[in-house]
Amino acid sequence: MADFILYLSGIINSLGYLGIFGAAALEYACFPVSSEILLPFIGYSVYLGRLSLPLAVLFSTIGGIIGCSFCYGAGRFGRGIMDRLFAKRFCSVKQGIENAEKYFVNQGKHSVFFGRLMPIVRTYISFPAGMAKMNFFTFLGYSAAGALLWNTFLISLGYYMGEHWKEISSFFGNNKITISLIVLMIVGIVWINKKKK
């Protein structure tokens, strides 16, 4: 993990916003880049004055949209290829896709937004959306909103925690489900209040 953090810090420090864009795109495209480590570190870089908070959030969200669009396309046009390349070789990928499929079937198109705030599901929700041939622009809208909320939350935490960003990363890594449920509850309360108004 320490080597990975050093490698990650090198990318962000060398490439700046382009590094944020690339790392976020990989994370949202199901590559093994943990947002619980990546995003608080970006916040720490903002804390050090190397980056702007709004631009860091913007580039990470744009990267996320590009990455999840790749997975949407893979689900829509290449499910068989995905099964052969990943699902049959990696049990965790197969299980993640199956969990995301169930969640998508149960929750419908709104699952793309809420799924971005849940562990495992957030990584793979683009596949069932693509397989269901969900309208691409609707998919992008929900994905962008969910990614913006998640990225803003974790980058801001890294920023406000400053040099203690590693503790935040560790806490999120160990309490993914609990934190995601709290975020979902907050979003749900806001959503219900808006509907009532």
Protein backbone atom coordinates (compact mmCIF):
# COMPACT_ATOMS: atom_id res chain seq x y z
CA MET A 1 0.00 0.00 0.00
CA ALA A 2 2.83 2.41 0.83
CA ASP A 3 4.38 1.83 -2.62
CA PHE A 4 1.03 2.46 -4.26
CA ILE A 5 0.58 5.71 -2.35
CA LEU A 6 4.04 6.86 -3.42
CA TYR A 7 3.28 5.96 -7.04
CA LEU A 8 -0.05 7.76 -6.84
CA SER A 9 1.47 10.86 -5.30
CA GLY A 10 4.09 10.92 -8.05
CA ILE A 11 1.42 10.89 -10.77
CA ILE A 12 -0.64 13.65 -9.16
CA ASN A 13 2.40 15.78 -8.33
CA SER A 14 3.92 15.38 -11.82
CA LEU A 15 0.82 15.71 -13.98
CA GLY A 16 -1.46 17.81 -11.77
CA TYR A 17 -5.01 17.99 -13.09
CA LEU A 18 -4.20 15.66 -15.99
CA GLY A 19 -3.03 13.08 -13.43
CA ILE A 20 -6.27 13.53 -11.48
CA PHE A 21 -8.28 13.09 -14.67
CA GLY A 22 -6.40 9.91 -15.65
CA ALA A 23 -6.47 8.32 -12.20
CA ALA A 24 -10.19 9.04 -11.76
CA ALA A 25 -10.96 7.68 -15.24
CA LEU A 26 -9.16 4.43 -14.39
CA GLU A 27 -10.95 4.12 -11.05
CA TYR A 28 -14.39 4.61 -12.62
CA ALA A 29 -13.46 2.22 -15.46
CA CYS A 30 -13.06 -0.61 -12.90
CA PHE A 31 -9.27 -0.59 -12.70
CA PRO A 32 -7.79 -1.27 -9.25
CA VAL A 33 -7.51 2.35 -8.12
CA SER A 34 -9.30 2.92 -4.83
CA SER A 35 -11.22 6.21 -4.61
CA GLU A 36 -10.93 5.98 -0.82
CA ILE A 37 -7.17 6.50 -1.23
CA LEU A 38 -7.09 8.55 -4.42
CA LEU A 39 -9.58 11.28 -3.54
CA PRO A 40 -8.38 12.14 -0.01
CA PHE A 41 -4.82 12.32 -1.37
CA ILE A 42 -6.00 14.81 -4.01
CA GLY A 43 -7.56 16.80 -1.15
CA TYR A 44 -4.22 16.70 0.65
CA SER A 45 -2.52 18.10 -2.48
CA VAL A 46 -5.07 20.95 -2.42
CA TYR A 47 -4.25 21.49 1.26
CA LEU A 48 -0.56 21.87 0.33
CA GLY A 49 -1.50 24.57 -2.20
CA ARG A 50 -0.53 22.54 -5.27
CA LEU A 51 -4.06 22.36 -6.65
CA SER A 52 -7.34 24.25 -6.60
CA LEU A 53 -10.24 22.53 -4.82
CA PRO A 54 -12.91 23.34 -7.45
CA LEU A 55 -10.62 22.29 -10.32
CA ALA A 56 -9.58 19.10 -8.53
CA VAL A 57 -13.24 18.16 -8.09
CA LEU A 58 -14.02 19.13 -11.70
CA PHE A 59 -11.20 17.09 -13.26
CA SER A 60 -11.87 14.06 -11.07
CA THR A 61 -15.55 14.18 -12.02
CA ILE A 62 -14.82 14.54 -15.75
CA GLY A 63 -12.38 11.63 -15.49
CA GLY A 64 -15.05 9.62 -13.70
CA ILE A 65 -17.59 10.34 -16.44
CA ILE A 66 -15.14 9.19 -19.13
CA GLY A 67 -14.26 6.04 -17.18
CA CYS A 68 -17.83 5.00 -16.48
CA SER A 69 -18.78 5.70 -20.12
CA PHE A 70 -16.22 3.09 -21.13
CA CYS A 71 -17.90 0.54 -18.83
CA TYR A 72 -21.34 1.55 -20.10
CA GLY A 73 -20.17 0.86 -23.67
CA ALA A 74 -18.69 -2.47 -22.61
CA GLY A 75 -22.02 -3.44 -21.06
CA ARG A 76 -24.05 -2.30 -24.03
CA PHE A 77 -21.92 -3.71 -26.84
CA GLY A 78 -19.59 -6.29 -25.34
CA ARG A 79 -21.06 -8.28 -22.44
CA GLY A 80 -19.66 -11.51 -23.89
CA ILE A 81 -16.19 -9.99 -24.15
CA MET A 82 -16.39 -8.77 -20.54
CA ASP A 83 -17.37 -12.25 -19.36
CA ARG A 84 -14.48 -13.88 -21.22
CA LEU A 85 -11.83 -11.34 -20.26
CA PHE A 86 -12.72 -10.52 -16.68
CA ALA A 87 -15.70 -12.27 -15.10
CA LYS A 88 -14.47 -15.83 -15.74
CA ARG A 89 -10.95 -15.03 -14.53
CA PHE A 90 -11.70 -12.80 -11.56
CA CYS A 91 -14.37 -13.90 -9.09
CA SER A 92 -14.55 -10.46 -7.50
CA VAL A 93 -15.35 -8.85 -10.87
CA LYS A 94 -18.03 -11.43 -11.60
CA GLN A 95 -19.56 -10.94 -8.15
CA GLY A 96 -19.39 -7.15 -8.47
CA ILE A 97 -21.18 -7.20 -11.83
CA GLU A 98 -23.85 -9.57 -10.49
CA ASN A 99 -24.46 -7.36 -7.43
CA ALA A 100 -24.70 -4.28 -9.65
CA GLU A 101 -27.16 -6.06 -11.97
CA LYS A 102 -29.44 -6.98 -9.05
CA TYR A 103 -29.28 -3.44 -7.71
CA PHE A 104 -30.05 -1.97 -11.14
CA VAL A 105 -33.03 -4.30 -11.64
CA ASN A 106 -34.44 -3.43 -8.21
CA GLN A 107 -33.85 0.33 -8.29
CA GLY A 108 -34.12 1.22 -11.99
CA LYS A 109 -32.33 4.13 -13.59
CA HIS A 110 -31.95 5.99 -10.27
CA SER A 111 -29.57 3.22 -9.22
CA VAL A 112 -26.89 4.84 -11.41
CA PHE A 113 -26.91 7.88 -9.11
CA PHE A 114 -27.30 6.07 -5.77
CA GLY A 115 -24.96 3.26 -6.85
CA ARG A 116 -22.12 5.78 -7.15
CA LEU A 117 -22.32 6.18 -3.37
CA MET A 118 -22.12 2.47 -2.53
CA PRO A 119 -19.07 0.19 -2.27
CA ILE A 120 -18.60 -2.38 -5.06
CA VAL A 121 -21.87 -1.36 -6.74
CA ARG A 122 -20.45 2.09 -7.55
CA THR A 123 -17.63 0.49 -9.53
CA TYR A 124 -19.78 -1.82 -11.66
CA ILE A 125 -23.18 -0.08 -11.98
CA SER A 126 -22.28 1.15 -15.48
CA PHE A 127 -22.33 -2.41 -16.88
CA PRO A 128 -26.00 -3.22 -16.16
CA ALA A 129 -26.98 0.29 -17.28
CA GLY A 130 -25.31 -0.41 -20.62
CA MET A 131 -26.79 -3.92 -20.88
CA ALA A 132 -30.26 -2.50 -20.21
CA LYS A 133 -29.64 0.04 -22.99
CA MET A 134 -30.43 2.90 -20.65
CA ASN A 135 -30.48 6.24 -22.47
CA PHE A 136 -26.84 7.30 -22.61
CA PHE A 137 -27.45 10.96 -21.74
CA THR A 138 -29.65 10.01 -18.79
CA PHE A 139 -26.89 7.65 -17.68
CA LEU A 140 -24.31 10.45 -17.99
CA GLY A 141 -26.47 12.84 -15.99
CA TYR A 142 -27.00 10.44 -13.10
CA SER A 143 -23.34 9.33 -13.18
CA ALA A 144 -22.06 12.90 -13.19
CA ALA A 145 -24.29 13.86 -10.24
CA GLY A 146 -23.26 10.81 -8.19
CA ALA A 147 -19.57 11.17 -9.04
CA LEU A 148 -19.63 14.89 -8.26
CA LEU A 149 -21.14 14.25 -4.84
CA TRP A 150 -18.74 11.40 -3.97
CA ASN A 151 -15.64 13.19 -5.29
CA THR A 152 -16.49 16.47 -3.59
CA PHE A 153 -17.08 14.68 -0.29
CA LEU A 154 -13.80 12.71 -0.24
CA ILE A 155 -11.58 15.42 -1.75
CA SER A 156 -12.95 17.96 0.74
CA LEU A 157 -12.33 15.53 3.61
CA GLY A 158 -8.72 15.09 2.46
CA TYR A 159 -8.36 18.87 2.23
CA TYR A 160 -9.75 19.58 5.69
CA MET A 161 -7.83 16.72 7.29
CA GLY A 162 -4.60 17.97 5.72
CA GLU A 163 -1.60 15.84 6.60
CA HIS A 164 -3.91 13.31 8.29
CA TRP A 165 -5.42 12.26 4.93
CA LYS A 166 -4.00 8.73 5.32
CA GLU A 167 -6.16 8.21 8.42
CA ILE A 168 -9.22 9.21 6.37
CA SER A 169 -8.23 6.76 3.63
CA SER A 170 -7.74 4.00 6.16
CA PHE A 171 -11.04 4.76 7.90
CA PHE A 172 -12.96 4.72 4.61
CA GLY A 173 -11.22 1.56 3.50
CA ASN A 174 -12.28 -0.23 6.69
CA ASN A 175 -15.80 1.23 6.95
CA LYS A 176 -16.97 1.46 3.34
CA ILE A 177 -20.46 0.09 3.93
CA THR A 178 -21.16 2.21 7.02
CA ILE A 179 -19.97 5.43 5.39
CA SER A 180 -21.88 4.71 2.19
CA LEU A 181 -25.08 4.10 4.16
CA ILE A 182 -24.64 7.42 5.97
CA VAL A 183 -24.09 9.27 2.68
CA LEU A 184 -27.10 7.49 1.14
CA MET A 185 -29.26 8.44 4.13
CA ILE A 186 -28.29 12.09 3.82
CA VAL A 187 -28.96 12.10 0.07
CA GLY A 188 -32.26 10.25 0.65
CA ILE A 189 -33.42 12.83 3.21
CA VAL A 190 -32.56 15.70 0.86
CA TRP A 191 -34.33 13.89 -2.00
CA ILE A 192 -37.52 13.29 0.05
CA ASN A 193 -37.60 16.90 1.25
CA LYS A 194 -37.29 18.14 -2.33
CA LYS A 195 -40.14 15.89 -3.46
CA LYS A 196 -42.37 17.13 -0.62
CA LYS A 197 -41.72 20.75 -1.60
